[in-house]
PDB file of N, CA and C in Angstrom:
ATOM      1  N   MET A   1       2.690  19.930  -7.536  1.00  0.00           N
ATOM      2  CA  MET A   1       2.204  18.373  -7.866  1.00  0.00           C
ATOM      3  C   MET A   1       2.413  17.611  -6.422  1.00  0.00           C
ATOM      4  N   PRO A   2       1.802  16.825  -5.842  1.00  0.00           N
ATOM      5  CA  PRO A   2       1.933  16.095  -4.988  1.00  0.00           C
ATOM      6  C   PRO A   2       3.036  14.912  -5.038  1.00  0.00           C
ATOM      7  N   ARG A   3       3.529  14.474  -3.918  1.00  0.00           N
ATOM      8  CA  ARG A   3       4.368  13.470  -4.395  1.00  0.00           C
ATOM      9  C   ARG A   3       3.974  12.163  -3.194  1.00  0.00           C
ATOM     10  N   PRO A   4       4.248  10.968  -3.610  1.00  0.00           N
ATOM     11  CA  PRO A   4       3.932   9.840  -2.519  1.00  0.00           C
ATOM     12  C   PRO A   4       4.802  10.273  -0.963  1.00  0.00           C
ATOM     13  N   ARG A   5       3.750   9.782  -0.005  1.00  0.00           N
ATOM     14  CA  ARG A   5       4.244  10.075   1.166  1.00  0.00           C
ATOM     15  C   ARG A   5       4.236   8.675   2.247  1.00  0.00           C
ATOM     16  N   LEU A   6       5.011   8.781   3.112  1.00  0.00           N
ATOM     17  CA  LEU A   6       4.516   7.397   3.985  1.00  0.00           C
ATOM     18  C   LEU A   6       4.985   7.826   5.356  1.00  0.00           C
ATOM     19  N   ASP A   7       3.991   7.357   6.212  1.00  0.00           N
ATOM     20  CA  ASP A   7       4.134   7.760   7.800  1.00  0.00           C
ATOM     21  C   ASP A   7       3.871   6.310   8.406  1.00  0.00           C
ATOM     22  N   ASP A   8       4.988   6.289   9.717  1.00  0.00           N
ATOM     23  CA  ASP A   8       4.925   5.072  10.063  1.00  0.00           C
ATOM     24  C   ASP A   8       4.824   5.271  11.775  1.00  0.00           C
ATOM     25  N   ASP A   9       3.688   4.790  12.401  1.00  0.00           N
ATOM     26  CA  ASP A   9       3.411   5.164  13.725  1.00  0.00           C
ATOM     27  C   ASP A   9       4.006   3.976  14.377  1.00  0.00           C
ATOM     28  N   GLY A  10       4.517   3.040  14.224  1.00  0.00           N
ATOM     29  CA  GLY A  10       5.239   1.933  15.043  1.00  0.00           C
ATOM     30  C   GLY A  10       3.866   0.817  15.219  1.00  0.00           C
ATOM     31  N   GLN A  11       2.916   0.906  14.570  1.00  0.00           N
ATOM     32  CA  GLN A  11       1.636   0.044  14.623  1.00  0.00           C
ATOM     33  C   GLN A  11       1.323  -0.122  13.075  1.00  0.00           C
ATOM     34  N   SER A  12       1.346   0.884  12.355  1.00  0.00           N
ATOM     35  CA  SER A  12       0.208   1.070  11.304  1.00  0.00           C
ATOM     36  C   SER A  12       1.216   1.930  10.518  1.00  0.00           C
ATOM     37  N   VAL A  13       1.324   1.663   9.027  1.00  0.00           N
ATOM     38  CA  VAL A  13       1.779   2.280   8.083  1.00  0.00           C
ATOM     39  C   VAL A  13       0.858   2.714   7.226  1.00  0.00           C
ATOM     40  N   THR A  14       0.940   4.235   6.586  1.00  0.00           N
ATOM     41  CA  THR A  14       0.155   5.032   5.649  1.00  0.00           C
ATOM     42  C   THR A  14       1.101   5.378   4.608  1.00  0.00           C
ATOM     43  N   LEU A  15       0.569   4.787   3.481  1.00  0.00           N
ATOM     44  CA  LEU A  15       1.395   4.929   2.202  1.00  0.00           C
ATOM     45  C   LEU A  15       0.571   5.931   1.237  1.00  0.00           C
ATOM     46  N   ASP A  16       0.511   7.403   0.916  1.00  0.00           N
ATOM     47  CA  ASP A  16      -0.184   8.211   0.224  1.00  0.00           C
ATOM     48  C   ASP A  16       0.339   8.110  -0.986  1.00  0.00           C
ATOM     49  N   LEU A  17      -0.567   7.512  -1.974  1.00  0.00           N
ATOM     50  CA  LEU A  17      -0.079   7.582  -3.434  1.00  0.00           C
ATOM     51  C   LEU A  17      -0.182   8.568  -4.392  1.00  0.00           C
ATOM     52  N   HIS A  18      -0.605   9.831  -3.945  1.00  0.00           N
ATOM     53  CA  HIS A  18      -1.214  10.860  -4.721  1.00  0.00           C
ATOM     54  C   HIS A  18       0.034  11.340  -5.205  1.00  0.00           C
ATOM     55  N   GLY A  19       0.214  11.547  -6.627  1.00  0.00           N
ATOM     56  CA  GLY A  19       1.218  12.036  -7.169  1.00  0.00           C
ATOM     57  C   GLY A  19       1.984  11.216  -8.056  1.00  0.00           C
ATOM     58  N   ALA A  20       1.580   9.955  -7.914  1.00  0.00           N
ATOM     59  CA  ALA A  20       2.799   8.514  -8.676  1.00  0.00           C
ATOM     60  C   ALA A  20       1.643   8.095  -9.761  1.00  0.00           C
ATOM     61  N   ARG A  21       2.770   7.658 -10.406  1.00  0.00           N
ATOM     62  CA  ARG A  21       2.034   6.957 -11.944  1.00  0.00           C
ATOM     63  C   ARG A  21       1.766   5.651 -11.343  1.00  0.00           C
ATOM     64  N   VAL A  22       0.756   5.225 -12.150  1.00  0.00           N
ATOM     65  CA  VAL A  22       0.330   3.495 -11.687  1.00  0.00           C
ATOM     66  C   VAL A  22       1.253   2.812 -11.590  1.00  0.00           C
ATOM     67  N   ALA A  23       2.438   2.549 -12.436  1.00  0.00           N
ATOM     68  CA  ALA A  23       3.316   1.469 -11.963  1.00  0.00           C
ATOM     69  C   ALA A  23       3.921   1.810 -11.129  1.00  0.00           C
ATOM     70  N   GLU A  24       4.431   3.268 -10.774  1.00  0.00           N
ATOM     71  CA  GLU A  24       4.951   3.374  -9.487  1.00  0.00           C
ATOM     72  C   GLU A  24       4.389   3.191  -8.513  1.00  0.00           C
ATOM     73  N   ALA A  25       3.147   3.378  -8.286  1.00  0.00           N
ATOM     74  CA  ALA A  25       2.276   3.324  -7.302  1.00  0.00           C
ATOM     75  C   ALA A  25       2.397   1.740  -6.814  1.00  0.00           C
ATOM     76  N   LEU A  26       2.105   1.000  -7.780  1.00  0.00           N
ATOM     77  CA  LEU A  26       2.094  -0.341  -7.597  1.00  0.00           C
ATOM     78  C   LEU A  26       3.594  -1.289  -6.874  1.00  0.00           C
ATOM     79  N   GLY A  27       4.418  -0.542  -7.264  1.00  0.00           N
ATOM     80  CA  GLY A  27       5.702  -0.801  -7.042  1.00  0.00           C
ATOM     81  C   GLY A  27       5.711  -0.482  -5.558  1.00  0.00           C
ATOM     82  N   LEU A  28       5.353   0.893  -5.046  1.00  0.00           N
ATOM     83  CA  LEU A  28       5.580   1.303  -4.041  1.00  0.00           C
ATOM     84  C   LEU A  28       4.684   0.396  -2.865  1.00  0.00           C
ATOM     85  N   ALA A  29       3.644   0.034  -3.503  1.00  0.00           N
ATOM     86  CA  ALA A  29       2.699  -0.439  -2.682  1.00  0.00           C
ATOM     87  C   ALA A  29       3.300  -1.934  -2.086  1.00  0.00           C
ATOM     88  N   HIS A  30       3.607  -2.776  -3.117  1.00  0.00           N
ATOM     89  CA  HIS A  30       4.272  -3.983  -2.967  1.00  0.00           C
ATOM     90  C   HIS A  30       5.390  -3.997  -1.888  1.00  0.00           C
ATOM     91  N   ALA A  31       6.438  -2.928  -2.124  1.00  0.00           N
ATOM     92  CA  ALA A  31       7.551  -2.770  -1.192  1.00  0.00           C
ATOM     93  C   ALA A  31       7.124  -2.248  -0.050  1.00  0.00           C
ATOM     94  N   ALA A  32       6.014  -1.394   0.379  1.00  0.00           N
ATOM     95  CA  ALA A  32       5.602  -1.273   1.465  1.00  0.00           C
ATOM     96  C   ALA A  32       5.139  -2.280   2.276  1.00  0.00           C
ATOM     97  N   ALA A  33       4.352  -3.043   1.461  1.00  0.00           N
ATOM     98  CA  ALA A  33       3.601  -4.168   2.107  1.00  0.00           C
ATOM     99  C   ALA A  33       4.515  -4.890   2.589  1.00  0.00           C
ATOM    100  N   GLU A  34       5.893  -5.227   1.895  1.00  0.00           N
ATOM    101  CA  GLU A  34       6.751  -6.500   2.383  1.00  0.00           C
ATOM    102  C   GLU A  34       7.740  -5.520   3.758  1.00  0.00           C
ATOM    103  N   GLU A  35       7.874  -4.507   3.662  1.00  0.00           N
ATOM    104  CA  GLU A  35       8.626  -3.697   4.782  1.00  0.00           C
ATOM    105  C   GLU A  35       7.974  -3.578   5.830  1.00  0.00           C
ATOM    106  N   SER A  36       6.662  -3.100   5.619  1.00  0.00           N
ATOM    107  CA  SER A  36       5.867  -3.191   6.753  1.00  0.00           C
ATOM    108  C   SER A  36       5.509  -4.459   7.495  1.00  0.00           C
ATOM    109  N   ALA A  37       5.273  -5.510   7.115  1.00  0.00           N
ATOM    110  CA  ALA A  37       5.292  -6.816   7.639  1.00  0.00           C
ATOM    111  C   ALA A  37       6.679  -7.215   8.042  1.00  0.00           C
ATOM    112  N   ARG A  38       8.005  -6.855   7.557  1.00  0.00           N
ATOM    113  CA  ARG A  38       9.012  -7.383   8.133  1.00  0.00           C
ATOM    114  C   ARG A  38       9.453  -6.557   9.310  1.00  0.00           C
ATOM    115  N   ARG A  39       8.851  -5.082   9.514  1.00  0.00           N
ATOM    116  CA  ARG A  39       8.908  -4.723  10.777  1.00  0.00           C
ATOM    117  C   ARG A  39       7.883  -4.695  11.574  1.00  0.00           C
ATOM    118  N   GLY A  40       6.738  -5.550  11.726  1.00  0.00           N
ATOM    119  CA  GLY A  40       6.187  -5.858  12.702  1.00  0.00           C
ATOM    120  C   GLY A  40       4.690  -5.237  12.463  1.00  0.00           C
ATOM    121  N   ARG A  41       4.559  -4.386  11.509  1.00  0.00           N
ATOM    122  CA  ARG A  41       3.240  -3.669  11.655  1.00  0.00           C
ATOM    123  C   ARG A  41       2.078  -4.330  11.524  1.00  0.00           C
ATOM    124  N   ARG A  42       1.107  -4.090  11.999  1.00  0.00           N
ATOM    125  CA  ARG A  42      -0.271  -4.621  11.720  1.00  0.00           C
ATOM    126  C   ARG A  42      -0.962  -4.400  10.535  1.00  0.00           C
ATOM    127  N   THR A  43      -1.375  -2.990  10.253  1.00  0.00           N
ATOM    128  CA  THR A  43      -1.705  -2.692   8.986  1.00  0.00           C
ATOM    129  C   THR A  43      -1.144  -1.813   8.133  1.00  0.00           C
ATOM    130  N   LEU A  44      -1.282  -1.751   6.697  1.00  0.00           N
ATOM    131  CA  LEU A  44      -0.785  -0.896   5.755  1.00  0.00           C
ATOM    132  C   LEU A  44      -1.883  -0.496   5.307  1.00  0.00           C
ATOM    133  N   ARG A  45      -2.132   0.946   5.101  1.00  0.00           N
ATOM    134  CA  ARG A  45      -3.224   1.841   4.638  1.00  0.00           C
ATOM    135  C   ARG A  45      -2.293   2.369   2.992  1.00  0.00           C
ATOM    136  N   LEU A  46      -3.368   1.860   2.380  1.00  0.00           N
ATOM    137  CA  LEU A  46      -2.921   2.468   0.771  1.00  0.00           C
ATOM    138  C   LEU A  46      -3.841   3.647   0.322  1.00  0.00           C
ATOM    139  N   VAL A  47      -3.488   4.778   0.403  1.00  0.00           N
ATOM    140  CA  VAL A  47      -4.465   5.842  -0.073  1.00  0.00           C
ATOM    141  C   VAL A  47      -4.338   6.321  -1.444  1.00  0.00           C
ATOM    142  N   HIS A  48      -5.258   5.874  -2.329  1.00  0.00           N
ATOM    143  CA  HIS A  48      -5.296   6.076  -3.476  1.00  0.00           C
ATOM    144  C   HIS A  48      -6.048   7.243  -4.070  1.00  0.00           C
ATOM    145  N   GLY A  49      -6.706   7.605  -3.669  1.00  0.00           N
ATOM    146  CA  GLY A  49      -7.688   8.541  -4.026  1.00  0.00           C
ATOM    147  C   GLY A  49      -9.091   8.029  -4.239  1.00  0.00           C
ATOM    148  N   LEU A  50     -10.151   9.077  -4.826  1.00  0.00           N
ATOM    149  CA  LEU A  50     -11.317   8.624  -5.501  1.00  0.00           C
ATOM    150  C   LEU A  50     -11.099   7.977  -6.907  1.00  0.00           C
ATOM    151  N   SER A  51     -10.400   8.096  -7.497  1.00  0.00           N
ATOM    152  CA  SER A  51     -10.258   7.571  -8.715  1.00  0.00           C
ATOM    153  C   SER A  51     -11.594   7.897  -9.513  1.00  0.00           C
ATOM    154  N   THR A  52     -11.938   9.237 -10.181  1.00  0.00           N
ATOM    155  CA  THR A  52     -13.147   9.342 -10.728  1.00  0.00           C
ATOM    156  C   THR A  52     -13.107   9.206 -11.934  1.00  0.00           C
ATOM    157  N   THR A  53     -12.157   8.473 -12.547  1.00  0.00           N
ATOM    158  CA  THR A  53     -12.416   8.031 -13.942  1.00  0.00           C
ATOM    159  C   THR A  53     -13.587   7.185 -14.635  1.00  0.00           C
ATOM    160  N   GLU A  54     -14.003   7.553 -15.650  1.00  0.00           N
ATOM    161  CA  GLU A  54     -14.830   6.861 -16.109  1.00  0.00           C
ATOM    162  C   GLU A  54     -14.559   5.480 -16.601  1.00  0.00           C
ATOM    163  N   ALA A  55     -15.886   4.554 -16.911  1.00  0.00           N
ATOM    164  CA  ALA A  55     -15.632   3.209 -17.339  1.00  0.00           C
ATOM    165  C   ALA A  55     -14.935   3.033 -18.499  1.00  0.00           C
ATOM    166  N   GLY A  56     -13.907   2.174 -18.682  1.00  0.00           N
ATOM    167  CA  GLY A  56     -13.707   2.252 -19.969  1.00  0.00           C
ATOM    168  C   GLY A  56     -12.362   3.135 -20.271  1.00  0.00           C
ATOM    169  N   ALA A  57     -12.164   4.036 -19.288  1.00  0.00           N
ATOM    170  CA  ALA A  57     -10.912   4.933 -19.534  1.00  0.00           C
ATOM    171  C   ALA A  57      -9.740   4.273 -19.177  1.00  0.00           C
ATOM    172  N   ARG A  58      -8.549   5.079 -19.182  1.00  0.00           N
ATOM    173  CA  ARG A  58      -7.268   4.500 -18.534  1.00  0.00           C
ATOM    174  C   ARG A  58      -7.358   3.897 -17.103  1.00  0.00           C
ATOM    175  N   ARG A  59      -6.507   2.965 -17.074  1.00  0.00           N
ATOM    176  CA  ARG A  59      -6.286   2.385 -15.453  1.00  0.00           C
ATOM    177  C   ARG A  59      -5.987   3.262 -14.387  1.00  0.00           C
ATOM    178  N   THR A  60      -5.987   3.198 -13.190  1.00  0.00           N
ATOM    179  CA  THR A  60      -6.074   4.239 -11.935  1.00  0.00           C
ATOM    180  C   THR A  60      -5.526   3.446 -10.993  1.00  0.00           C
ATOM    181  N   ILE A  61      -4.848   4.094 -10.251  1.00  0.00           N
ATOM    182  CA  ILE A  61      -4.084   3.246  -9.031  1.00  0.00           C
ATOM    183  C   ILE A  61      -4.982   2.955  -8.257  1.00  0.00           C
ATOM    184  N   LYS A  62      -6.319   3.220  -8.131  1.00  0.00           N
ATOM    185  CA  LYS A  62      -7.256   2.429  -7.098  1.00  0.00           C
ATOM    186  C   LYS A  62      -7.687   0.900  -7.701  1.00  0.00           C
ATOM    187  N   THR A  63      -8.017   1.061  -9.121  1.00  0.00           N
ATOM    188  CA  THR A  63      -8.448  -0.297 -10.009  1.00  0.00           C
ATOM    189  C   THR A  63      -7.266  -1.048  -9.958  1.00  0.00           C
ATOM    190  N   GLU A  64      -5.861  -0.869  -9.967  1.00  0.00           N
ATOM    191  CA  GLU A  64      -4.844  -1.589 -10.287  1.00  0.00           C
ATOM    192  C   GLU A  64      -4.587  -2.105  -8.473  1.00  0.00           C
ATOM    193  N   LEU A  65      -4.748  -1.648  -7.683  1.00  0.00           N
ATOM    194  CA  LEU A  65      -4.701  -2.152  -6.481  1.00  0.00           C
ATOM    195  C   LEU A  65      -5.714  -3.283  -6.126  1.00  0.00           C
ATOM    196  N   ALA A  66      -6.893  -3.004  -6.579  1.00  0.00           N
ATOM    197  CA  ALA A  66      -8.056  -3.897  -6.265  1.00  0.00           C
ATOM    198  C   ALA A  66      -7.558  -5.089  -7.129  1.00  0.00           C
ATOM    199  N   ASP A  67      -7.261  -4.884  -8.259  1.00  0.00           N
ATOM    200  CA  ASP A  67      -7.015  -6.127  -9.112  1.00  0.00           C
ATOM    201  C   ASP A  67      -5.525  -6.766  -8.424  1.00  0.00           C
ATOM    202  N   ALA A  68      -4.822  -6.091  -8.186  1.00  0.00           N
ATOM    203  CA  ALA A  68      -3.610  -6.899  -7.447  1.00  0.00           C
ATOM    204  C   ALA A  68      -4.236  -7.715  -6.136  1.00  0.00           C
ATOM    205  N   TRP A  69      -4.960  -6.988  -5.513  1.00  0.00           N
ATOM    206  CA  TRP A  69      -5.264  -7.666  -3.954  1.00  0.00           C
ATOM    207  C   TRP A  69      -6.301  -8.929  -4.952  1.00  0.00           C
ATOM    208  N   GLU A  70      -7.224  -9.137  -5.688  1.00  0.00           N
ATOM    209  CA  GLU A  70      -7.942  -9.809  -6.022  1.00  0.00           C
ATOM    210  C   GLU A  70      -6.781 -10.980  -6.850  1.00  0.00           C
ATOM    211  N   ALA A  71      -5.900 -10.531  -7.142  1.00  0.00           N
ATOM    212  CA  ALA A  71      -4.999 -11.599  -8.156  1.00  0.00           C
ATOM    213  C   ALA A  71      -4.129 -12.555  -7.101  1.00  0.00           C
ATOM    214  N   GLY A  72      -4.410 -12.057  -5.656  1.00  0.00           N
ATOM    215  CA  GLY A  72      -3.443 -12.544  -4.864  1.00  0.00           C
ATOM    216  C   GLY A  72      -1.968 -11.976  -4.469  1.00  0.00           C
ATOM    217  N   ASP A  73      -1.662 -10.940  -5.184  1.00  0.00           N
ATOM    218  CA  ASP A  73      -0.247 -10.314  -5.418  1.00  0.00           C
ATOM    219  C   ASP A  73       0.446  -9.790  -3.733  1.00  0.00           C
ATOM    220  N   PHE A  74      -0.617  -9.493  -2.785  1.00  0.00           N
ATOM    221  CA  PHE A  74      -0.476  -9.291  -1.488  1.00  0.00           C
ATOM    222  C   PHE A  74      -0.211 -10.260  -0.951  1.00  0.00           C
ATOM    223  N   ASP A  75      -0.779 -11.577  -1.180  1.00  0.00           N
ATOM    224  CA  ASP A  75      -0.902 -12.685  -0.183  1.00  0.00           C
ATOM    225  C   ASP A  75       0.376 -13.144   0.623  1.00  0.00           C
ATOM    226  N   ARG A  76       1.591 -12.689   0.188  1.00  0.00           N
ATOM    227  CA  ARG A  76       2.791 -13.189   0.998  1.00  0.00           C
ATOM    228  C   ARG A  76       2.792 -12.324   2.099  1.00  0.00           C
ATOM    229  N   TRP A  77       2.070 -11.232   2.365  1.00  0.00           N
ATOM    230  CA  TRP A  77       2.422 -10.185   3.437  1.00  0.00           C
ATOM    231  C   TRP A  77       0.722 -10.114   4.276  1.00  0.00           C
ATOM    232  N   ALA A  78      -0.403 -10.117   3.555  1.00  0.00           N
ATOM    233  CA  ALA A  78      -1.186  -9.488   3.739  1.00  0.00           C
ATOM    234  C   ALA A  78      -2.293 -10.617   4.246  1.00  0.00           C
ATOM    235  N   THR A  79      -3.174 -10.802   5.202  1.00  0.00           N
ATOM    236  CA  THR A  79      -3.975 -11.791   5.538  1.00  0.00           C
ATOM    237  C   THR A  79      -5.399 -11.248   5.104  1.00  0.00           C
ATOM    238  N   GLY A  80      -5.926 -10.150   5.088  1.00  0.00           N
ATOM    239  CA  GLY A  80      -7.038  -9.578   4.684  1.00  0.00           C
ATOM    240  C   GLY A  80      -6.985  -7.984   3.849  1.00  0.00           C
ATOM    241  N   ALA A  81      -8.044  -7.492   3.530  1.00  0.00           N
ATOM    242  CA  ALA A  81      -8.195  -6.101   3.253  1.00  0.00           C
ATOM    243  C   ALA A  81      -9.469  -5.381   3.296  1.00  0.00           C
ATOM    244  N   VAL A  82      -9.587  -4.672   3.591  1.00  0.00           N
ATOM    245  CA  VAL A  82     -10.981  -3.761   3.582  1.00  0.00           C
ATOM    246  C   VAL A  82     -10.659  -2.511   2.253  1.00  0.00           C
ATOM    247  N   ARG A  83     -11.489  -2.381   1.730  1.00  0.00           N
ATOM    248  CA  ARG A  83     -11.650  -1.435   0.624  1.00  0.00           C
ATOM    249  C   ARG A  83     -12.664  -0.094   1.052  1.00  0.00           C
ATOM    250  N   MET A  84     -12.068   0.933   1.251  1.00  0.00           N
ATOM    251  CA  MET A  84     -12.972   1.892   1.503  1.00  0.00           C
ATOM    252  C   MET A  84     -12.907   3.163   0.559  1.00  0.00           C
ATOM    253  N   GLU A  85     -13.896   4.416   0.635  1.00  0.00           N
ATOM    254  CA  GLU A  85     -13.584   5.411  -0.429  1.00  0.00           C
ATOM    255  C   GLU A  85     -12.240   5.935  -0.296  1.00  0.00           C
ATOM    256  N   GLY A  86     -11.499   5.717  -1.250  1.00  0.00           N
ATOM    257  CA  GLY A  86     -10.340   6.659  -1.533  1.00  0.00           C
ATOM    258  C   GLY A  86      -8.989   5.583  -0.531  1.00  0.00           C
ATOM    259  N   VAL A  87      -9.122   4.818  -0.070  1.00  0.00           N
ATOM    260  CA  VAL A  87      -8.060   3.630   0.658  1.00  0.00           C
ATOM    261  C   VAL A  87      -8.219   2.008   0.646  1.00  0.00           C
ATOM    262  N   LEU A  88      -7.360   1.684   0.358  1.00  0.00           N
ATOM    263  CA  LEU A  88      -7.268  -0.183   0.791  1.00  0.00           C
ATOM    264  C   LEU A  88      -6.466  -0.149   1.873  1.00  0.00           C
ATOM    265  N   ILE A  89      -6.987  -1.113   3.022  1.00  0.00           N
ATOM    266  CA  ILE A  89      -6.174  -1.442   4.394  1.00  0.00           C
ATOM    267  C   ILE A  89      -6.169  -2.465   4.025  1.00  0.00           C
ATOM    268  N   LEU A  90      -4.614  -3.091   4.146  1.00  0.00           N
ATOM    269  CA  LEU A  90      -4.332  -4.383   4.337  1.00  0.00           C
ATOM    270  C   LEU A  90      -3.838  -4.750   5.830  1.00  0.00           C
ATOM    271  N   SER A  91      -4.440  -6.064   6.160  1.00  0.00           N
ATOM    272  CA  SER A  91      -4.005  -6.517   7.630  1.00  0.00           C
ATOM    273  C   SER A  91      -3.005  -7.292   6.917  1.00  0.00           C
ATOM    274  N   LEU A  92      -1.952  -6.928   7.836  1.00  0.00           N
ATOM    275  CA  LEU A  92      -0.411  -7.410   7.850  1.00  0.00           C
ATOM    276  C   LEU A  92      -0.205  -9.046   8.552  1.00  0.00           C
ATOM    277  N   ALA A  93       0.521  -9.707   8.310  1.00  0.00           N
ATOM    278  CA  ALA A  93       1.001 -10.732   8.669  1.00  0.00           C
ATOM    279  C   ALA A  93       2.611 -10.681   9.004  1.00  0.00           C
ATOM    280  N   PRO A  94       2.779  -9.844  10.495  1.00  0.00           N
ATOM    281  CA  PRO A  94       4.195  -9.589  10.758  1.00  0.00           C
ATOM    282  C   PRO A  94       5.006 -10.838  10.898  1.00  0.00           C
ATOM    283  N   ALA A  95       6.276 -10.582  10.580  1.00  0.00           N
ATOM    284  CA  ALA A  95       7.307 -11.232  10.619  1.00  0.00           C
ATOM    285  C   ALA A  95       7.444 -11.885  12.205  1.00  0.00           C
ATOM    286  N   SER A  96       8.048 -12.758  12.434  1.00  0.00           N
ATOM    287  CA  SER A  96       8.309 -13.631  13.401  1.00  0.00           C
ATOM    288  C   SER A  96       9.496 -12.825  13.840  1.00  0.00           C
ATOM    289  N   SER A  97      10.233 -12.287  13.769  1.00  0.00           N
ATOM    290  CA  SER A  97      11.349 -11.680  14.018  1.00  0.00           C
ATOM    291  C   SER A  97      11.499 -10.329  13.420  1.00  0.00           C
ATOM    292  N   PRO A  98      10.479  -9.249  13.709  1.00  0.00           N
ATOM    293  CA  PRO A  98      10.566  -7.948  13.271  1.00  0.00           C
ATOM    294  C   PRO A  98      11.788  -7.261  13.342  1.00  0.00           C
ATOM    295  N   LEU A  99      11.911  -6.488  12.134  1.00  0.00           N
ATOM    296  CA  LEU A  99      13.370  -5.513  12.247  1.00  0.00           C
ATOM    297  C   LEU A  99      12.686  -4.389  12.666  1.00  0.00           C
ATOM    298  N   ALA A 100      13.797  -3.619  13.732  1.00  0.00           N
ATOM    299  CA  ALA A 100      13.465  -2.505  14.402  1.00  0.00           C
ATOM    300  C   ALA A 100      13.735  -1.279  13.765  1.00  0.00           C
ATOM    301  N   GLY A 101      12.995  -0.145  14.092  1.00  0.00           N
ATOM    302  CA  GLY A 101      13.172   0.960  13.398  1.00  0.00           C
ATOM    303  C   GLY A 101      11.767   1.571  12.669  1.00  0.00           C
ATOM    304  N   ARG A 102      11.644   2.611  12.509  1.00  0.00           N
ATOM    305  CA  ARG A 102      10.406   3.406  11.612  1.00  0.00           C
ATOM    306  C   ARG A 102      10.806   3.109  10.299  1.00  0.00           C
ATOM    307  N   LEU A 103       9.685   2.910   9.437  1.00  0.00           N
ATOM    308  CA  LEU A 103       9.944   2.785   8.065  1.00  0.00           C
ATOM    309  C   LEU A 103       9.903   4.113   7.374  1.00  0.00           C
ATOM    310  N   GLY A 104      10.271   4.531   6.169  1.00  0.00           N
ATOM    311  CA  GLY A 104      10.210   5.792   5.635  1.00  0.00           C
ATOM    312  C   GLY A 104      10.321   5.665   4.214  1.00  0.00           C
ATOM    313  N   LEU A 105       9.882   6.368   3.323  1.00  0.00           N
ATOM    314  CA  LEU A 105       9.614   6.377   1.889  1.00  0.00           C
ATOM    315  C   LEU A 105      10.687   5.802   1.238  1.00  0.00           C
ATOM    316  N   ALA A 106      12.200   6.303   1.592  1.00  0.00           N
ATOM    317  CA  ALA A 106      13.437   6.081   1.055  1.00  0.00           C
ATOM    318  C   ALA A 106      13.448   4.393   1.348  1.00  0.00           C
ATOM    319  N   ASP A 107      13.324   3.896   2.353  1.00  0.00           N
ATOM    320  CA  ASP A 107      13.314   2.371   2.281  1.00  0.00           C
ATOM    321  C   ASP A 107      12.720   1.522   1.550  1.00  0.00           C
ATOM    322  N   LEU A 108      11.648   1.760   0.541  1.00  0.00           N
ATOM    323  CA  LEU A 108      11.029   1.381  -0.320  1.00  0.00           C
ATOM    324  C   LEU A 108      11.668   1.220  -1.955  1.00  0.00           C
ATOM    325  N   PHE A 109      13.131   2.311  -1.572  1.00  0.00           N
ATOM    326  CA  PHE A 109      13.250   2.190  -3.366  1.00  0.00           C
ATOM    327  C   PHE A 109      14.722   1.085  -3.209  1.00  0.00           C
TER     328      PHE A 109
END
């Protein structure tokens, strides 16, 4: 079974949420947004997959991330978002004094 993965190239962070449960994915997404902004990254790509669940069925990571964005849950760190097939891309407002070093998945716990 896949597990969440995080890649940081120094400009952008990609968090692949495949394998995470919905609540875990939301927690990881919030932590990644905060830490990515603190480290001066410009974008955060939240890879959630296609979410082929039919309307009225259980909640998916895709729908929960979209709802969280629309509710303003990422406003402390993000200035904009683009929804694409399988991914939510957040434009981040970097910290005035960014922390050095690459971000790893373990930094989100």
